[in-house]
C-alpha atoms as a PDB file:
ATOM      1  CA  MET A   1      -8.600  16.694   1.810  1.00  0.00           C
ATOM      2  CA  LYS A   2      -6.371  18.200  -0.427  1.00  0.00           C
ATOM      3  CA  THR A   3      -3.005  16.436  -0.925  1.00  0.00           C
ATOM      4  CA  CYS A   4       0.481  17.780  -2.789  1.00  0.00           C
ATOM      5  CA  HIS A   5       2.266  15.213  -5.478  1.00  0.00           C
ATOM      6  CA  GLN A   6       4.520  13.242  -3.513  1.00  0.00           C
ATOM      7  CA  PHE A   7       1.352  11.716  -1.524  1.00  0.00           C
ATOM      8  CA  ASP A   8       0.233  11.065  -4.813  1.00  0.00           C
ATOM      9  CA  THR A   9       3.063   8.898  -6.048  1.00  0.00           C
ATOM     10  CA  VAL A  10       3.307   7.435  -2.568  1.00  0.00           C
ATOM     11  CA  ARG A  11      -0.066   6.014  -2.530  1.00  0.00           C
ATOM     12  CA  ALA A  12      -0.065   4.963  -6.395  1.00  0.00           C
ATOM     13  CA  GLU A  13       3.051   2.893  -5.628  1.00  0.00           C
ATOM     14  CA  TYR A  14       1.799   1.412  -2.372  1.00  0.00           C
ATOM     15  CA  GLU A  15      -2.079   0.485  -4.117  1.00  0.00           C
ATOM     16  CA  ARG A  16      -0.291  -1.324  -7.337  1.00  0.00           C
ATOM     17  CA  GLU A  17       2.119  -2.942  -5.078  1.00  0.00           C
ATOM     18  CA  ILE A  18      -0.827  -4.216  -2.845  1.00  0.00           C
ATOM     19  CA  GLY A  19      -3.061  -4.697  -6.039  1.00  0.00           C
ATOM     20  CA  PHE A  20      -0.470  -6.751  -7.494  1.00  0.00           C
ATOM     21  CA  LEU A  21      -0.021  -8.996  -4.140  1.00  0.00           C
ATOM     22  CA  VAL A  22      -3.817  -9.353  -4.244  1.00  0.00           C
ATOM     23  CA  ALA A  23      -4.225 -11.041  -7.500  1.00  0.00           C
ATOM     24  CA  HIS A  24      -0.829 -12.900  -6.909  1.00  0.00           C
ATOM     25  CA  SER A  25      -2.894 -14.774  -3.825  1.00  0.00           C
ATOM     26  CA  GLN A  26      -6.539 -15.018  -6.076  1.00  0.00           C
ATOM     27  CA  ARG A  27      -4.487 -16.670  -8.838  1.00  0.00           C
ATOM     28  CA  HIS A  28      -2.814 -19.158  -6.838  1.00  0.00           C
ATOM     29  CA  THR A  29      -5.346 -19.844  -3.982  1.00  0.00           C
ATOM     30  CA  GLY A  30      -4.838 -22.878  -1.984  1.00  0.00           C
ATOM     31  CA  ARG A  31      -1.313 -23.134  -2.074  1.00  0.00           C
ATOM     32  CA  PRO A  32       1.611 -21.539   0.208  1.00  0.00           C
ATOM     33  CA  ALA A  33       2.538 -18.972  -2.074  1.00  0.00           C
ATOM     34  CA  ALA A  34      -1.531 -17.304  -1.860  1.00  0.00           C
ATOM     35  CA  LYS A  35      -0.938 -17.017   1.593  1.00  0.00           C
ATOM     36  CA  SER A  36       2.552 -15.755   1.913  1.00  0.00           C
ATOM     37  CA  SER A  37       1.135 -12.861  -0.544  1.00  0.00           C
ATOM     38  CA  ALA A  38      -1.869 -12.378   1.274  1.00  0.00           C
ATOM     39  CA  LYS A  39       0.598 -11.578   4.233  1.00  0.00           C
ATOM     40  CA  THR A  40       2.390  -9.315   2.541  1.00  0.00           C
ATOM     41  CA  ALA A  41      -0.642  -7.312   1.151  1.00  0.00           C
ATOM     42  CA  ALA A  42      -1.685  -6.680   4.833  1.00  0.00           C
ATOM     43  CA  SER A  43       1.270  -5.869   5.873  1.00  0.00           C
ATOM     44  CA  ALA A  44       2.029  -3.143   2.827  1.00  0.00           C
ATOM     45  CA  LYS A  45      -1.641  -1.769   3.454  1.00  0.00           C
ATOM     46  CA  GLN A  46       0.222  -1.133   7.374  1.00  0.00           C
ATOM     47  CA  ARG A  47       3.044   0.224   5.561  1.00  0.00           C
ATOM     48  CA  MET A  48       1.176   2.047   3.308  1.00  0.00           C
ATOM     49  CA  ALA A  49      -0.608   4.258   6.283  1.00  0.00           C
ATOM     50  CA  ARG A  50       2.352   5.095   8.174  1.00  0.00           C
ATOM     51  CA  ALA A  51       3.985   5.967   5.869  1.00  0.00           C
ATOM     52  CA  LEU A  52       1.108   8.651   4.308  1.00  0.00           C
ATOM     53  CA  SER A  53      -0.012   9.254   8.229  1.00  0.00           C
ATOM     54  CA  SER A  54       3.771  10.750   9.054  1.00  0.00           C
ATOM     55  CA  HIS A  55       3.999  12.319   4.915  1.00  0.00           C
ATOM     56  CA  VAL A  56       1.147  14.458   5.913  1.00  0.00           C
ATOM     57  CA  SER A  57       2.058  15.167   9.457  1.00  0.00           C
ATOM     58  CA  ARG A  58       5.208  16.509   7.805  1.00  0.00           C
ATOM     59  CA  CYS A  59       4.372  18.092   4.804  1.00  0.00           C
ATOM     60  CA  PRO A  60       2.978  21.760   4.540  1.00  0.00           C
ATOM     61  CA  GLU A  61       1.293  21.423   2.038  1.00  0.00           C
ATOM     62  CA  CYS A  62      -1.121  18.397   2.857  1.00  0.00           C
ATOM     63  CA  GLY A  63      -1.020  19.507   6.609  1.00  0.00           C
END
C-alpha cells in the first residue's frame, strides 16, 4: 500500500508517543505510574488506528 507523507508523519508521531509510554511503563514496573502509562499506550494505539484509517478514507493519494 502506497501512503503519502502526511500518513507517514502521523504514524511516526503516534509510534514515538507509544514508545515513550511503553518505555516508561517498563521502567516503573509495579508502580501505579506504570499501569497508567500502559493504559495510555493502549488508548494511543487505538487513536492511531482511528486516525490512520480516517486519513486513508479522506486522502486521494492513500486511498
